[in-house]
N, C-alpha and C. Protein backbone atom coordinates (compact mmCIF):
# COMPACT_ATOMS: atom_id res chain seq x y z
N MET A 1 -63.44 -17.03 -24.37
CA MET A 1 -62.87 -16.87 -23.25
C MET A 1 -62.55 -17.88 -22.49
N ARG A 2 -61.56 -17.55 -21.74
CA ARG A 2 -61.18 -18.75 -20.50
C ARG A 2 -61.06 -18.33 -19.34
N ILE A 3 -61.53 -19.23 -18.75
CA ILE A 3 -61.88 -18.97 -16.83
C ILE A 3 -61.33 -19.90 -16.27
N LEU A 4 -60.25 -19.35 -15.24
CA LEU A 4 -59.33 -20.48 -14.27
C LEU A 4 -60.31 -20.18 -12.79
N TYR A 5 -60.42 -21.30 -12.15
CA TYR A 5 -60.51 -21.42 -10.77
C TYR A 5 -59.52 -21.66 -9.74
N PHE A 6 -59.65 -21.13 -8.74
CA PHE A 6 -58.08 -21.51 -7.84
C PHE A 6 -58.89 -21.76 -6.59
N SER A 7 -58.15 -22.53 -5.78
CA SER A 7 -57.86 -22.92 -4.43
C SER A 7 -59.39 -23.71 -4.05
N TRP A 8 -60.01 -22.99 -3.35
CA TRP A 8 -61.35 -23.75 -2.82
C TRP A 8 -62.29 -23.59 -3.85
N LEU A 9 -62.45 -22.81 -4.85
CA LEU A 9 -63.43 -22.36 -5.60
C LEU A 9 -63.18 -23.61 -6.46
N LYS A 10 -62.21 -23.96 -7.25
CA LYS A 10 -61.94 -25.67 -7.88
C LYS A 10 -62.37 -26.53 -7.82
N GLU A 11 -62.03 -26.53 -6.16
CA GLU A 11 -62.99 -27.88 -5.47
C GLU A 11 -64.00 -27.54 -5.57
N LYS A 12 -64.67 -26.61 -5.33
CA LYS A 12 -66.40 -26.30 -5.39
C LYS A 12 -66.95 -26.84 -6.95
N ILE A 13 -66.52 -26.32 -7.66
CA ILE A 13 -66.59 -26.05 -9.01
C ILE A 13 -66.24 -27.81 -9.73
N GLY A 14 -65.47 -28.40 -9.35
CA GLY A 14 -64.74 -29.32 -9.93
C GLY A 14 -63.92 -29.22 -11.18
N LEU A 15 -63.44 -27.62 -11.30
CA LEU A 15 -63.27 -27.65 -12.73
C LEU A 15 -61.33 -26.64 -12.05
N ASN A 16 -60.68 -26.57 -13.28
CA ASN A 16 -59.27 -25.94 -12.62
C ASN A 16 -59.40 -24.74 -13.52
N SER A 17 -60.19 -24.98 -14.96
CA SER A 17 -60.50 -24.34 -16.14
C SER A 17 -61.46 -24.29 -16.92
N GLN A 18 -61.85 -23.45 -17.70
CA GLN A 18 -63.24 -23.83 -18.52
C GLN A 18 -63.20 -22.74 -20.05
N GLU A 19 -63.07 -23.03 -21.05
CA GLU A 19 -63.74 -22.66 -22.29
C GLU A 19 -64.89 -22.05 -22.25
N ILE A 20 -65.38 -21.14 -22.69
CA ILE A 20 -66.61 -20.99 -23.12
C ILE A 20 -66.76 -19.44 -23.93
N ILE A 21 -67.88 -19.80 -25.11
CA ILE A 21 -67.94 -18.50 -25.89
C ILE A 21 -68.74 -17.73 -25.18
N LYS A 22 -68.53 -16.12 -25.12
CA LYS A 22 -68.92 -15.55 -24.29
C LYS A 22 -70.35 -15.14 -25.18
N PRO A 23 -71.32 -15.32 -24.08
CA PRO A 23 -72.85 -14.79 -24.91
C PRO A 23 -72.99 -13.21 -24.87
N LYS A 24 -73.62 -12.75 -26.01
CA LYS A 24 -74.18 -11.67 -25.84
C LYS A 24 -74.49 -10.76 -24.86
N ASN A 25 -75.24 -11.48 -23.88
CA ASN A 25 -75.54 -10.94 -22.67
C ASN A 25 -75.04 -10.92 -21.53
N VAL A 26 -73.74 -11.06 -21.94
CA VAL A 26 -72.43 -11.28 -20.56
C VAL A 26 -71.59 -9.63 -21.28
N GLU A 27 -71.37 -8.47 -20.28
CA GLU A 27 -70.56 -8.01 -20.77
C GLU A 27 -69.34 -7.40 -19.74
N THR A 28 -69.71 -8.10 -18.48
CA THR A 28 -69.04 -7.75 -17.73
C THR A 28 -68.49 -9.15 -16.52
N VAL A 29 -68.01 -8.98 -15.18
CA VAL A 29 -67.68 -9.96 -14.55
C VAL A 29 -68.85 -10.30 -14.06
N ASP A 30 -69.84 -9.50 -13.32
CA ASP A 30 -71.22 -9.60 -12.77
C ASP A 30 -71.82 -10.60 -13.72
N ASP A 31 -71.65 -10.34 -14.91
CA ASP A 31 -72.57 -10.90 -16.40
C ASP A 31 -72.21 -11.55 -16.05
N LEU A 32 -71.03 -12.49 -16.23
CA LEU A 32 -70.46 -13.44 -16.14
C LEU A 32 -70.52 -14.38 -15.51
N ILE A 33 -70.97 -14.23 -13.86
CA ILE A 33 -70.74 -14.64 -12.50
C ILE A 33 -72.02 -15.15 -12.58
N THR A 34 -73.39 -14.39 -13.27
CA THR A 34 -74.63 -14.66 -13.17
C THR A 34 -75.23 -15.16 -14.36
N PHE A 35 -74.73 -15.79 -15.17
CA PHE A 35 -74.26 -16.20 -16.52
C PHE A 35 -73.80 -18.05 -15.45
N LEU A 36 -72.57 -18.09 -15.44
CA LEU A 36 -72.11 -19.48 -14.80
C LEU A 36 -73.24 -19.71 -13.81
N THR A 37 -73.63 -19.16 -12.63
CA THR A 37 -74.33 -19.65 -11.66
C THR A 37 -75.83 -19.65 -12.18
N GLU A 38 -76.35 -19.68 -13.49
CA GLU A 38 -77.60 -19.99 -13.71
C GLU A 38 -77.64 -21.43 -14.27
N LYS A 39 -76.46 -21.69 -14.90
CA LYS A 39 -75.64 -22.71 -15.71
C LYS A 39 -75.72 -24.28 -14.65
N SER A 40 -75.00 -23.84 -13.32
CA SER A 40 -74.54 -24.72 -12.78
C SER A 40 -74.91 -24.41 -11.37
N GLU A 41 -75.28 -25.87 -10.63
CA GLU A 41 -75.64 -25.58 -8.88
C GLU A 41 -73.80 -25.87 -8.41
N LYS A 42 -72.71 -25.93 -8.82
CA LYS A 42 -71.65 -26.03 -8.38
C LYS A 42 -71.43 -24.82 -8.21
N HIS A 43 -71.35 -24.25 -9.17
CA HIS A 43 -70.91 -22.67 -9.57
C HIS A 43 -71.99 -21.81 -8.82
N LYS A 44 -73.33 -21.84 -8.65
CA LYS A 44 -74.11 -21.36 -7.70
C LYS A 44 -73.75 -21.45 -6.40
N ASN A 45 -73.11 -22.36 -5.97
CA ASN A 45 -72.98 -22.62 -4.68
C ASN A 45 -71.51 -22.20 -4.44
N ALA A 46 -70.05 -22.22 -5.13
CA ALA A 46 -69.09 -21.66 -5.49
C ALA A 46 -68.75 -19.78 -5.18
N PHE A 47 -70.19 -19.25 -5.69
CA PHE A 47 -70.17 -17.90 -6.41
C PHE A 47 -71.46 -17.14 -5.26
N SER A 48 -71.54 -18.21 -4.08
CA SER A 48 -72.85 -17.76 -3.06
C SER A 48 -71.96 -16.54 -2.22
N ASP A 49 -71.07 -16.43 -2.32
CA ASP A 49 -70.44 -15.25 -0.81
C ASP A 49 -69.42 -14.36 -1.87
N LEU A 50 -70.01 -13.67 -2.92
CA LEU A 50 -68.98 -12.83 -3.80
C LEU A 50 -68.10 -12.21 -2.50
N ASN A 51 -68.31 -11.87 -1.84
CA ASN A 51 -67.38 -10.81 -0.55
C ASN A 51 -65.71 -11.86 -0.40
N SER A 52 -66.40 -13.00 -0.75
CA SER A 52 -64.88 -14.18 -0.30
C SER A 52 -63.75 -14.14 -1.86
N ILE A 53 -64.32 -13.81 -3.18
CA ILE A 53 -63.62 -13.83 -4.39
C ILE A 53 -63.15 -12.44 -4.69
N LYS A 54 -62.25 -12.99 -5.41
CA LYS A 54 -61.17 -11.80 -5.70
C LYS A 54 -61.44 -12.27 -7.70
N VAL A 55 -61.08 -11.47 -8.12
CA VAL A 55 -61.03 -11.90 -10.08
C VAL A 55 -60.16 -11.39 -10.55
N SER A 56 -59.37 -11.49 -11.74
CA SER A 56 -58.43 -10.85 -12.47
C SER A 56 -59.33 -10.78 -14.02
N VAL A 57 -58.58 -10.14 -14.59
CA VAL A 57 -58.91 -9.88 -16.08
C VAL A 57 -57.73 -9.89 -16.99
N ASN A 58 -57.04 -11.04 -17.46
CA ASN A 58 -56.01 -10.85 -18.25
C ASN A 58 -54.67 -10.75 -17.13
N GLN A 59 -55.06 -11.10 -16.32
CA GLN A 59 -53.57 -11.02 -15.11
C GLN A 59 -54.16 -9.66 -14.34
N GLU A 60 -54.63 -8.44 -14.39
CA GLU A 60 -54.75 -7.57 -13.74
C GLU A 60 -56.07 -7.60 -12.95
N PHE A 61 -55.49 -7.30 -11.20
CA PHE A 61 -57.18 -7.55 -10.64
C PHE A 61 -58.59 -6.27 -11.40
N ALA A 62 -59.65 -6.67 -11.18
CA ALA A 62 -60.68 -6.19 -11.19
C ALA A 62 -61.41 -6.65 -10.55
N ASP A 63 -62.91 -5.93 -10.85
CA ASP A 63 -64.17 -5.65 -10.20
C ASP A 63 -64.93 -6.40 -11.21
N LEU A 64 -66.27 -6.88 -9.92
CA LEU A 64 -67.32 -7.10 -10.78
C LEU A 64 -68.14 -6.17 -12.02
N LYS A 65 -67.97 -4.89 -12.17
CA LYS A 65 -67.95 -3.99 -13.05
C LYS A 65 -67.23 -3.86 -14.45
N THR A 66 -66.14 -4.78 -14.26
CA THR A 66 -65.06 -4.90 -15.49
C THR A 66 -65.71 -5.30 -16.61
N LYS A 67 -65.45 -4.49 -18.06
CA LYS A 67 -65.93 -5.44 -19.10
C LYS A 67 -65.00 -6.57 -19.72
N ILE A 68 -65.37 -7.29 -20.04
CA ILE A 68 -64.70 -8.71 -20.35
C ILE A 68 -65.08 -8.94 -21.84
N ASN A 69 -64.37 -9.39 -22.83
CA ASN A 69 -64.40 -9.69 -23.98
C ASN A 69 -64.22 -11.25 -24.46
N GLU A 70 -64.36 -11.50 -25.61
CA GLU A 70 -64.39 -12.59 -26.12
C GLU A 70 -63.07 -13.47 -25.47
N LYS A 71 -62.14 -13.31 -25.78
CA LYS A 71 -60.71 -13.51 -25.65
C LYS A 71 -59.90 -13.34 -24.82
N ASP A 72 -61.09 -12.43 -23.39
CA ASP A 72 -60.17 -12.61 -22.34
C ASP A 72 -59.74 -13.80 -21.45
N GLU A 73 -58.80 -13.84 -20.33
CA GLU A 73 -58.61 -14.48 -19.78
C GLU A 73 -59.19 -14.22 -18.24
N ILE A 74 -60.20 -14.71 -17.31
CA ILE A 74 -60.83 -14.70 -16.39
C ILE A 74 -60.06 -15.27 -14.90
N ALA A 75 -59.96 -15.37 -13.92
CA ALA A 75 -59.78 -16.01 -13.05
C ALA A 75 -60.68 -15.55 -11.98
N PHE A 76 -60.68 -16.41 -11.31
CA PHE A 76 -61.43 -15.94 -9.63
C PHE A 76 -60.67 -16.88 -8.53
N PHE A 77 -60.53 -16.24 -7.90
CA PHE A 77 -59.38 -16.69 -6.80
C PHE A 77 -60.19 -16.18 -5.29
N PRO A 78 -59.59 -16.88 -4.13
CA PRO A 78 -59.65 -15.81 -2.59
C PRO A 78 -59.23 -15.43 -2.57
N PRO A 79 -58.91 -14.10 -1.48
CA PRO A 79 -58.35 -12.96 -1.13
C PRO A 79 -57.05 -13.93 -0.93
N VAL A 80 -56.19 -13.01 -1.51
CA VAL A 80 -54.78 -12.86 -1.09
C VAL A 80 -54.22 -12.67 0.51
N THR A 81 -53.67 -13.54 1.57
CA THR A 81 -52.96 -13.17 2.51
C THR A 81 -51.40 -12.81 2.53
N GLY A 82 -51.37 -11.54 3.15
CA GLY A 82 -49.68 -12.13 3.29
C GLY A 82 -48.61 -12.34 4.33
N GLY A 83 -47.63 -12.63 4.44
CA GLY A 83 -47.27 -13.42 5.51
C GLY A 83 -45.71 -13.26 5.19
């Protein structure tokens, strides 16, 4: 599973991306966030306000209940503003 971080999330976590093997108990985006925040204080800090974070799975907008698979690409980014 490939995880991408953009904007201030990238800066808080200190990574552009990371590859992980999906744990058996991680079935949704929400489960993934829980897993990451339990493993790293930087992730815990970055994901402290989920209202300020958007997610995509395989380049399609998703939500916290979206199911994820081992070969998926998950991207986390701040809300996009138009202009």
